[in-house]
Amino acid sequence: MGHGVNPVVCEVEEGKEEAAIGELSRTDGGGGGDGGGGGGIQLPAVFVGGKMFGGLDRVMSTHISGELVPVLKDAGALWL
């Protein structure tokens, strides 16, 4: 990928979403990381710097607002 980003992608089979979300909840310590949107963890779940960042809504909103690049830089996940 460009910009030095090397994401890890874990595919979740249909019908196994609940188990994956349960595992993510344990990994995240139950924090949810949904950015205040309620509803807890959603798929796709995005981790930045080893911490739960949120789902697609949070990624898109921070990208549109211009906040995503600084978050990625601070985590050492983006080299520009």
PDB file of N, CA and C in Angstrom:
ATOM      1  N   MET A   1       0.838  -1.184   0.000  1.00  0.00           N
ATOM      2  CA  MET A   1       0.000   0.000   0.000  1.00  0.00           C
ATOM      3  C   MET A   1       0.878   1.241   0.000  1.00  0.00           C
ATOM      4  N   GLY A   2       0.296   2.338  -0.360  1.00  0.00           N
ATOM      5  CA  GLY A   2       1.029   3.587  -0.402  1.00  0.00           C
ATOM      6  C   GLY A   2       1.166   4.248   0.955  1.00  0.00           C
ATOM      7  N   HIS A   3       1.977   5.270   1.037  1.00  0.00           N
ATOM      8  CA  HIS A   3       2.175   6.107   2.220  1.00  0.00           C
ATOM      9  C   HIS A   3       2.753   5.341   3.408  1.00  0.00           C
ATOM     10  N   GLY A   4       3.326   4.177   3.201  1.00  0.00           N
ATOM     11  CA  GLY A   4       3.935   3.427   4.287  1.00  0.00           C
ATOM     12  C   GLY A   4       2.956   2.715   5.198  1.00  0.00           C
ATOM     13  N   VAL A   5       1.698   2.629   4.782  1.00  0.00           N
ATOM     14  CA  VAL A   5       0.685   1.955   5.593  1.00  0.00           C
ATOM     15  C   VAL A   5       0.698   0.471   5.267  1.00  0.00           C
ATOM     16  N   ASN A   6       0.773  -0.359   6.297  1.00  0.00           N
ATOM     17  CA  ASN A   6       0.792  -1.809   6.127  1.00  0.00           C
ATOM     18  C   ASN A   6      -0.272  -2.435   7.016  1.00  0.00           C
ATOM     19  N   PRO A   7      -1.530  -2.393   6.583  1.00  0.00           N
ATOM     20  CA  PRO A   7      -2.601  -2.909   7.443  1.00  0.00           C
ATOM     21  C   PRO A   7      -2.619  -4.432   7.500  1.00  0.00           C
ATOM     22  N   VAL A   8      -3.078  -4.935   8.626  1.00  0.00           N
ATOM     23  CA  VAL A   8      -3.346  -6.360   8.782  1.00  0.00           C
ATOM     24  C   VAL A   8      -4.846  -6.527   8.601  1.00  0.00           C
ATOM     25  N   VAL A   9      -5.242  -7.412   7.713  1.00  0.00           N
ATOM     26  CA  VAL A   9      -6.661  -7.637   7.443  1.00  0.00           C
ATOM     27  C   VAL A   9      -7.019  -9.049   7.883  1.00  0.00           C
ATOM     28  N   CYS A  10      -8.047  -9.157   8.700  1.00  0.00           N
ATOM     29  CA  CYS A  10      -8.548 -10.455   9.158  1.00  0.00           C
ATOM     30  C   CYS A  10      -9.958 -10.634   8.623  1.00  0.00           C
ATOM     31  N   GLU A  11     -10.137 -11.598   7.761  1.00  0.00           N
ATOM     32  CA  GLU A  11     -11.457 -11.876   7.192  1.00  0.00           C
ATOM     33  C   GLU A  11     -12.326 -12.593   8.219  1.00  0.00           C
ATOM     34  N   VAL A  12     -13.610 -12.230   8.274  1.00  0.00           N
ATOM     35  CA  VAL A  12     -14.574 -12.883   9.160  1.00  0.00           C
ATOM     36  C   VAL A  12     -15.637 -13.520   8.281  1.00  0.00           C
ATOM     37  N   GLU A  13     -15.810 -14.827   8.441  1.00  0.00           N
ATOM     38  CA  GLU A  13     -16.795 -15.542   7.635  1.00  0.00           C
ATOM     39  C   GLU A  13     -18.207 -15.134   8.028  1.00  0.00           C
ATOM     40  N   GLU A  14     -19.112 -15.186   7.040  1.00  0.00           N
ATOM     41  CA  GLU A  14     -20.516 -14.910   7.316  1.00  0.00           C
ATOM     42  C   GLU A  14     -21.011 -15.856   8.390  1.00  0.00           C
ATOM     43  N   GLY A  15     -21.800 -15.345   9.296  1.00  0.00           N
ATOM     44  CA  GLY A  15     -22.339 -16.150  10.376  1.00  0.00           C
ATOM     45  C   GLY A  15     -21.433 -16.228  11.595  1.00  0.00           C
ATOM     46  N   LYS A  16     -20.209 -15.719  11.480  1.00  0.00           N
ATOM     47  CA  LYS A  16     -19.274 -15.766  12.606  1.00  0.00           C
ATOM     48  C   LYS A  16     -18.950 -14.368  13.127  1.00  0.00           C
ATOM     49  N   GLU A  17     -19.776 -13.393  12.736  1.00  0.00           N
ATOM     50  CA  GLU A  17     -19.534 -12.018  13.143  1.00  0.00           C
ATOM     51  C   GLU A  17     -19.613 -11.837  14.655  1.00  0.00           C
ATOM     52  N   GLU A  18     -20.622 -12.465  15.293  1.00  0.00           N
ATOM     53  CA  GLU A  18     -20.787 -12.301  16.742  1.00  0.00           C
ATOM     54  C   GLU A  18     -19.579 -12.824  17.505  1.00  0.00           C
ATOM     55  N   ALA A  19     -19.052 -13.961  17.088  1.00  0.00           N
ATOM     56  CA  ALA A  19     -17.865 -14.517  17.747  1.00  0.00           C
ATOM     57  C   ALA A  19     -16.669 -13.583  17.569  1.00  0.00           C
ATOM     58  N   ALA A  20     -16.524 -13.023  16.378  1.00  0.00           N
ATOM     59  CA  ALA A  20     -15.413 -12.103  16.116  1.00  0.00           C
ATOM     60  C   ALA A  20     -15.550 -10.842  16.957  1.00  0.00           C
ATOM     61  N   ILE A  21     -16.769 -10.319  17.066  1.00  0.00           N
ATOM     62  CA  ILE A  21     -17.000  -9.120  17.875  1.00  0.00           C
ATOM     63  C   ILE A  21     -16.728  -9.417  19.346  1.00  0.00           C
ATOM     64  N   GLY A  22     -17.117 -10.608  19.807  1.00  0.00           N
ATOM     65  CA  GLY A  22     -16.818 -11.005  21.180  1.00  0.00           C
ATOM     66  C   GLY A  22     -15.325 -11.053  21.438  1.00  0.00           C
ATOM     67  N   GLU A  23     -14.580 -11.600  20.490  1.00  0.00           N
ATOM     68  CA  GLU A  23     -13.121 -11.671  20.616  1.00  0.00           C
ATOM     69  C   GLU A  23     -12.516 -10.271  20.613  1.00  0.00           C
ATOM     70  N   LEU A  24     -13.017  -9.395  19.744  1.00  0.00           N
ATOM     71  CA  LEU A  24     -12.524  -8.019  19.707  1.00  0.00           C
ATOM     72  C   LEU A  24     -12.825  -7.297  21.013  1.00  0.00           C
ATOM     73  N   SER A  25     -13.981  -7.566  21.605  1.00  0.00           N
ATOM     74  CA  SER A  25     -14.334  -6.943  22.885  1.00  0.00           C
ATOM     75  C   SER A  25     -13.344  -7.339  23.968  1.00  0.00           C
ATOM     76  N   ARG A  26     -12.936  -8.603  23.968  1.00  0.00           N
ATOM     77  CA  ARG A  26     -11.944  -9.057  24.952  1.00  0.00           C
ATOM     78  C   ARG A  26     -10.575  -8.436  24.658  1.00  0.00           C
ATOM     79  N   THR A  27     -10.220  -8.344  23.396  1.00  0.00           N
ATOM     80  CA  THR A  27      -8.945  -7.748  23.000  1.00  0.00           C
ATOM     81  C   THR A  27      -8.891  -6.284  23.384  1.00  0.00           C
ATOM     82  N   ASP A  28     -10.014  -5.598  23.200  1.00  0.00           N
ATOM     83  CA  ASP A  28     -10.099  -4.163  23.452  1.00  0.00           C
ATOM     84  C   ASP A  28     -10.360  -3.861  24.922  1.00  0.00           C
ATOM     85  N   GLY A  29     -10.566  -4.864  25.726  1.00  0.00           N
ATOM     86  CA  GLY A  29     -10.869  -4.646  27.129  1.00  0.00           C
ATOM     87  C   GLY A  29     -12.287  -4.168  27.353  1.00  0.00           C
ATOM     88  N   GLY A  30     -13.154  -4.363  26.346  1.00  0.00           N
ATOM     89  CA  GLY A  30     -14.549  -3.965  26.479  1.00  0.00           C
ATOM     90  C   GLY A  30     -14.784  -2.498  26.257  1.00  0.00           C
ATOM     91  N   GLY A  31     -13.743  -1.752  25.854  1.00  0.00           N
ATOM     92  CA  GLY A  31     -13.881  -0.311  25.694  1.00  0.00           C
ATOM     93  C   GLY A  31     -14.739   0.104  24.531  1.00  0.00           C
ATOM     94  N   GLY A  32     -14.872  -0.730  23.529  1.00  0.00           N
ATOM     95  CA  GLY A  32     -15.732  -0.418  22.401  1.00  0.00           C
ATOM     96  C   GLY A  32     -15.068   0.408  21.341  1.00  0.00           C
ATOM     97  N   GLY A  33     -14.412   1.499  21.707  1.00  0.00           N
ATOM     98  CA  GLY A  33     -13.692   2.310  20.742  1.00  0.00           C
ATOM     99  C   GLY A  33     -14.531   2.844  19.622  1.00  0.00           C
ATOM    100  N   ASP A  34     -15.822   3.066  19.884  1.00  0.00           N
ATOM    101  CA  ASP A  34     -16.682   3.493  18.790  1.00  0.00           C
ATOM    102  C   ASP A  34     -16.730   4.997  18.634  1.00  0.00           C
ATOM    103  N   GLY A  35     -15.945   5.718  19.396  1.00  0.00           N
ATOM    104  CA  GLY A  35     -15.880   7.158  19.250  1.00  0.00           C
ATOM    105  C   GLY A  35     -17.112   7.869  19.750  1.00  0.00           C
ATOM    106  N   GLY A  36     -17.835   7.262  20.684  1.00  0.00           N
ATOM    107  CA  GLY A  36     -18.998   7.903  21.247  1.00  0.00           C
ATOM    108  C   GLY A  36     -20.257   7.679  20.463  1.00  0.00           C
ATOM    109  N   GLY A  37     -20.196   6.869  19.428  1.00  0.00           N
ATOM    110  CA  GLY A  37     -21.367   6.636  18.606  1.00  0.00           C
ATOM    111  C   GLY A  37     -22.318   5.611  19.183  1.00  0.00           C
ATOM    112  N   GLY A  38     -21.968   4.984  20.297  1.00  0.00           N
ATOM    113  CA  GLY A  38     -22.814   3.968  20.901  1.00  0.00           C
ATOM    114  C   GLY A  38     -22.740   2.673  20.122  1.00  0.00           C
ATOM    115  N   GLY A  39     -23.332   1.646  20.667  1.00  0.00           N
ATOM    116  CA  GLY A  39     -23.420   0.385  19.947  1.00  0.00           C
ATOM    117  C   GLY A  39     -22.199  -0.500  20.040  1.00  0.00           C
ATOM    118  N   GLY A  40     -21.109  -0.048  20.664  1.00  0.00           N
ATOM    119  CA  GLY A  40     -19.932  -0.894  20.822  1.00  0.00           C
ATOM    120  C   GLY A  40     -19.211  -1.161  19.519  1.00  0.00           C
ATOM    121  N   ILE A  41     -18.531  -2.288  19.478  1.00  0.00           N
ATOM    122  CA  ILE A  41     -17.701  -2.649  18.331  1.00  0.00           C
ATOM    123  C   ILE A  41     -18.566  -3.020  17.137  1.00  0.00           C
ATOM    124  N   GLN A  42     -18.162  -2.525  15.984  1.00  0.00           N
ATOM    125  CA  GLN A  42     -18.832  -2.875  14.739  1.00  0.00           C
ATOM    126  C   GLN A  42     -17.780  -3.317  13.732  1.00  0.00           C
ATOM    127  N   LEU A  43     -18.196  -4.115  12.789  1.00  0.00           N
ATOM    128  CA  LEU A  43     -17.297  -4.552  11.722  1.00  0.00           C
ATOM    129  C   LEU A  43     -17.516  -3.687  10.496  1.00  0.00           C
ATOM    130  N   PRO A  44     -16.489  -3.299   9.793  1.00  0.00           N
ATOM    131  CA  PRO A  44     -15.091  -3.603  10.061  1.00  0.00           C
ATOM    132  C   PRO A  44     -14.589  -2.836  11.286  1.00  0.00           C
ATOM    133  N   ALA A  45     -13.808  -3.508  12.101  1.00  0.00           N
ATOM    134  CA  ALA A  45     -13.206  -2.905  13.291  1.00  0.00           C
ATOM    135  C   ALA A  45     -11.791  -2.468  12.927  1.00  0.00           C
ATOM    136  N   VAL A  46     -11.456  -1.241  13.251  1.00  0.00           N
ATOM    137  CA  VAL A  46     -10.157  -0.691  12.884  1.00  0.00           C
ATOM    138  C   VAL A  46      -9.356  -0.394  14.151  1.00  0.00           C
ATOM    139  N   PHE A  47      -8.154  -0.934  14.194  1.00  0.00           N
ATOM    140  CA  PHE A  47      -7.232  -0.662  15.289  1.00  0.00           C
ATOM    141  C   PHE A  47      -6.133   0.241  14.748  1.00  0.00           C
ATOM    142  N   VAL A  48      -5.738   1.241  15.521  1.00  0.00           N
ATOM    143  CA  VAL A  48      -4.641   2.131  15.151  1.00  0.00           C
ATOM    144  C   VAL A  48      -3.658   2.129  16.313  1.00  0.00           C
ATOM    145  N   GLY A  49      -2.439   1.764  16.032  1.00  0.00           N
ATOM    146  CA  GLY A  49      -1.427   1.714  17.079  1.00  0.00           C
ATOM    147  C   GLY A  49      -1.743   0.707  18.167  1.00  0.00           C
ATOM    148  N   GLY A  50      -2.417  -0.379  17.800  1.00  0.00           N
ATOM    149  CA  GLY A  50      -2.752  -1.426  18.757  1.00  0.00           C
ATOM    150  C   GLY A  50      -3.967  -1.142  19.614  1.00  0.00           C
ATOM    151  N   LYS A  51      -4.636  -0.016  19.372  1.00  0.00           N
ATOM    152  CA  LYS A  51      -5.824   0.345  20.145  1.00  0.00           C
ATOM    153  C   LYS A  51      -7.027   0.433  19.218  1.00  0.00           C
ATOM    154  N   MET A  52      -8.178   0.036  19.750  1.00  0.00           N
ATOM    155  CA  MET A  52      -9.403   0.099  18.966  1.00  0.00           C
ATOM    156  C   MET A  52      -9.702   1.551  18.608  1.00  0.00           C
ATOM    157  N   PHE A  53      -9.839   1.814  17.313  1.00  0.00           N
ATOM    158  CA  PHE A  53     -10.142   3.161  16.835  1.00  0.00           C
ATOM    159  C   PHE A  53     -11.631   3.317  16.590  1.00  0.00           C
ATOM    160  N   GLY A  54     -12.236   2.315  15.984  1.00  0.00           N
ATOM    161  CA  GLY A  54     -13.668   2.364  15.708  1.00  0.00           C
ATOM    162  C   GLY A  54     -14.007   1.601  14.451  1.00  0.00           C
ATOM    163  N   GLY A  55     -15.206   1.804  13.993  1.00  0.00           N
ATOM    164  CA  GLY A  55     -15.678   1.151  12.787  1.00  0.00           C
ATOM    165  C   GLY A  55     -15.571   2.069  11.581  1.00  0.00           C
ATOM    166  N   LEU A  56     -16.231   1.678  10.525  1.00  0.00           N
ATOM    167  CA  LEU A  56     -16.177   2.431   9.274  1.00  0.00           C
ATOM    168  C   LEU A  56     -16.655   3.864   9.448  1.00  0.00           C
ATOM    169  N   ASP A  57     -17.710   4.069  10.240  1.00  0.00           N
ATOM    170  CA  ASP A  57     -18.224   5.426  10.442  1.00  0.00           C
ATOM    171  C   ASP A  57     -17.161   6.342  11.039  1.00  0.00           C
ATOM    172  N   ARG A  58     -16.440   5.847  12.029  1.00  0.00           N
ATOM    173  CA  ARG A  58     -15.405   6.669  12.675  1.00  0.00           C
ATOM    174  C   ARG A  58     -14.252   6.938  11.716  1.00  0.00           C
ATOM    175  N   VAL A  59     -13.840   5.929  10.961  1.00  0.00           N
ATOM    176  CA  VAL A  59     -12.750   6.117  10.001  1.00  0.00           C
ATOM    177  C   VAL A  59     -13.147   7.164   8.963  1.00  0.00           C
ATOM    178  N   MET A  60     -14.344   7.038   8.416  1.00  0.00           N
ATOM    179  CA  MET A  60     -14.791   7.986   7.386  1.00  0.00           C
ATOM    180  C   MET A  60     -14.944   9.398   7.942  1.00  0.00           C
ATOM    181  N   SER A  61     -15.530   9.530   9.129  1.00  0.00           N
ATOM    182  CA  SER A  61     -15.741  10.874   9.681  1.00  0.00           C
ATOM    183  C   SER A  61     -14.417  11.560   9.999  1.00  0.00           C
ATOM    184  N   THR A  62     -13.438  10.810  10.534  1.00  0.00           N
ATOM    185  CA  THR A  62     -12.149  11.431  10.820  1.00  0.00           C
ATOM    186  C   THR A  62     -11.371  11.719   9.539  1.00  0.00           C
ATOM    187  N   HIS A  63     -11.564  10.912   8.521  1.00  0.00           N
ATOM    188  CA  HIS A  63     -10.930  11.186   7.227  1.00  0.00           C
ATOM    189  C   HIS A  63     -11.496  12.468   6.626  1.00  0.00           C
ATOM    190  N   ILE A  64     -12.820  12.584   6.616  1.00  0.00           N
ATOM    191  CA  ILE A  64     -13.478  13.758   6.026  1.00  0.00           C
ATOM    192  C   ILE A  64     -13.110  15.029   6.788  1.00  0.00           C
ATOM    193  N   SER A  65     -13.007  14.940   8.112  1.00  0.00           N
ATOM    194  CA  SER A  65     -12.694  16.125   8.922  1.00  0.00           C
ATOM    195  C   SER A  65     -11.206  16.475   8.899  1.00  0.00           C
ATOM    196  N   GLY A  66     -10.386  15.603   8.315  1.00  0.00           N
ATOM    197  CA  GLY A  66      -8.951  15.855   8.256  1.00  0.00           C
ATOM    198  C   GLY A  66      -8.194  15.393   9.492  1.00  0.00           C
ATOM    199  N   GLU A  67      -8.866  14.684  10.398  1.00  0.00           N
ATOM    200  CA  GLU A  67      -8.235  14.233  11.631  1.00  0.00           C
ATOM    201  C   GLU A  67      -7.543  12.880  11.507  1.00  0.00           C
ATOM    202  N   LEU A  68      -7.816  12.117  10.453  1.00  0.00           N
ATOM    203  CA  LEU A  68      -7.291  10.756  10.356  1.00  0.00           C
ATOM    204  C   LEU A  68      -5.781  10.723  10.153  1.00  0.00           C
ATOM    205  N   VAL A  69      -5.254  11.550   9.274  1.00  0.00           N
ATOM    206  CA  VAL A  69      -3.812  11.528   9.000  1.00  0.00           C
ATOM    207  C   VAL A  69      -3.005  11.824  10.262  1.00  0.00           C
ATOM    208  N   PRO A  70      -3.354  12.855  11.052  1.00  0.00           N
ATOM    209  CA  PRO A  70      -2.597  13.073  12.289  1.00  0.00           C
ATOM    210  C   PRO A  70      -2.679  11.894  13.269  1.00  0.00           C
ATOM    211  N   VAL A  71      -3.840  11.242  13.356  1.00  0.00           N
ATOM    212  CA  VAL A  71      -3.988  10.073  14.237  1.00  0.00           C
ATOM    213  C   VAL A  71      -3.039   8.970  13.784  1.00  0.00           C
ATOM    214  N   LEU A  72      -2.990   8.717  12.482  1.00  0.00           N
ATOM    215  CA  LEU A  72      -2.111   7.679  11.944  1.00  0.00           C
ATOM    216  C   LEU A  72      -0.643   8.040  12.136  1.00  0.00           C
ATOM    217  N   LYS A  73      -0.300   9.314  11.934  1.00  0.00           N
ATOM    218  CA  LYS A  73       1.084   9.752  12.143  1.00  0.00           C
ATOM    219  C   LYS A  73       1.494   9.587  13.601  1.00  0.00           C
ATOM    220  N   ASP A  74       0.620   9.995  14.526  1.00  0.00           N
ATOM    221  CA  ASP A  74       0.923   9.882  15.956  1.00  0.00           C
ATOM    222  C   ASP A  74       1.152   8.434  16.375  1.00  0.00           C
ATOM    223  N   ALA A  75       0.456   7.514  15.724  1.00  0.00           N
ATOM    224  CA  ALA A  75       0.591   6.090  16.049  1.00  0.00           C
ATOM    225  C   ALA A  75       1.787   5.453  15.344  1.00  0.00           C
ATOM    226  N   GLY A  76       2.455   6.219  14.486  1.00  0.00           N
ATOM    227  CA  GLY A  76       3.574   5.665  13.730  1.00  0.00           C
ATOM    228  C   GLY A  76       3.123   4.744  12.621  1.00  0.00           C
ATOM    229  N   ALA A  77       1.864   4.918  12.195  1.00  0.00           N
ATOM    230  CA  ALA A  77       1.293   4.041  11.174  1.00  0.00           C
ATOM    231  C   ALA A  77       1.301   4.677   9.790  1.00  0.00           C
ATOM    232  N   LEU A  78       1.822   5.890   9.683  1.00  0.00           N
ATOM    233  CA  LEU A  78       1.808   6.593   8.401  1.00  0.00           C
ATOM    234  C   LEU A  78       3.060   7.444   8.302  1.00  0.00           C
ATOM    235  N   TRP A  79       3.761   7.304   7.203  1.00  0.00           N
ATOM    236  CA  TRP A  79       4.976   8.079   6.987  1.00  0.00           C
ATOM    237  C   TRP A  79       4.802   8.918   5.744  1.00  0.00           C
ATOM    238  N   LEU A  80       4.650  10.216   5.939  1.00  0.00           N
ATOM    239  CA  LEU A  80       4.523  11.151   4.806  1.00  0.00           C
ATOM    240  C   LEU A  80       5.644  12.154   4.842  1.00  0.00           C
TER     241      LEU A  80
END
